[in-house]
Amino acid sequence: MSATATGALMGAVLAAAALLFGFWGFLLVALFMAIGAVVARVATGQLDLRALAGVFTGRRTS
């Protein structure tokens, strides 16, 4: 799926959540989408949590 199609789909999901559940439901859906994106990147190996933790604790630089 192209980046444009993915962005359009995410926008449609967030718009539907805003219409159906209001502002707080919109924020909750957006939070779950962000968590899902991070979990997917960790699962595919595109994001290394140990290196990221090292950057935030000051052990390594970015």
Protein backbone atom coordinates (compact mmCIF):
# COMPACT_ATOMS: atom_id res chain seq x y z
CA MET A 1 0.00 0.00 0.00
CA SER A 2 1.42 3.41 -0.91
CA ALA A 3 2.10 6.11 1.65
CA THR A 4 -0.71 8.22 0.18
CA ALA A 5 -3.26 5.43 0.50
CA THR A 6 -2.10 4.65 4.04
CA GLY A 7 -2.41 8.30 5.05
CA ALA A 8 -5.87 8.56 3.52
CA LEU A 9 -6.99 5.42 5.33
CA MET A 10 -5.65 6.68 8.66
CA GLY A 11 -7.40 10.01 8.10
CA ALA A 12 -10.68 8.25 7.35
CA VAL A 13 -10.42 6.13 10.49
CA LEU A 14 -9.64 9.16 12.65
CA ALA A 15 -12.46 11.17 11.07
CA ALA A 16 -14.93 8.35 11.72
CA ALA A 17 -13.71 8.06 15.31
CA ALA A 18 -14.16 11.81 15.81
CA LEU A 19 -17.70 11.69 14.42
CA LEU A 20 -18.74 8.57 16.32
CA PHE A 21 -16.98 8.95 19.68
CA GLY A 22 -16.26 12.66 20.07
CA PHE A 23 -12.97 14.30 20.97
CA TRP A 24 -11.80 11.85 23.66
CA GLY A 25 -12.67 8.86 21.53
CA PHE A 26 -10.69 10.45 18.69
CA LEU A 27 -7.66 10.85 20.97
CA LEU A 28 -7.97 7.26 22.20
CA VAL A 29 -8.13 5.89 18.66
CA ALA A 30 -5.13 8.05 17.64
CA LEU A 31 -3.17 6.77 20.67
CA PHE A 32 -3.96 3.14 19.82
CA MET A 33 -2.95 3.71 16.20
CA ALA A 34 0.39 5.15 17.32
CA ILE A 35 0.99 2.23 19.70
CA GLY A 36 0.14 -0.20 16.92
CA ALA A 37 2.59 1.52 14.57
CA VAL A 38 5.40 1.26 17.15
CA VAL A 39 4.64 -2.40 17.84
CA ALA A 40 4.63 -3.15 14.11
CA ARG A 41 8.02 -1.46 13.64
CA VAL A 42 9.50 -3.41 16.55
CA ALA A 43 8.07 -6.67 15.20
CA THR A 44 9.52 -6.10 11.72
CA GLY A 45 12.90 -5.05 13.09
CA GLN A 46 12.72 -1.45 11.85
CA LEU A 47 12.93 -0.05 15.39
CA ASP A 48 15.49 -1.17 17.97
CA LEU A 49 14.16 -0.44 21.45
CA ARG A 50 17.53 -1.02 23.16
CA ALA A 51 19.23 1.59 20.98
CA LEU A 52 16.33 3.98 21.53
CA ALA A 53 16.53 3.47 25.31
CA GLY A 54 20.28 4.10 25.15
CA VAL A 55 19.69 7.44 23.45
CA PHE A 56 17.20 8.56 26.11
CA THR A 57 19.35 7.43 29.05
CA GLY A 58 22.42 9.19 27.69
CA ARG A 59 24.48 6.08 27.05
CA ARG A 60 24.55 6.59 23.29
CA THR A 61 24.04 9.51 20.99
CA SER A 62 21.61 9.56 18.13
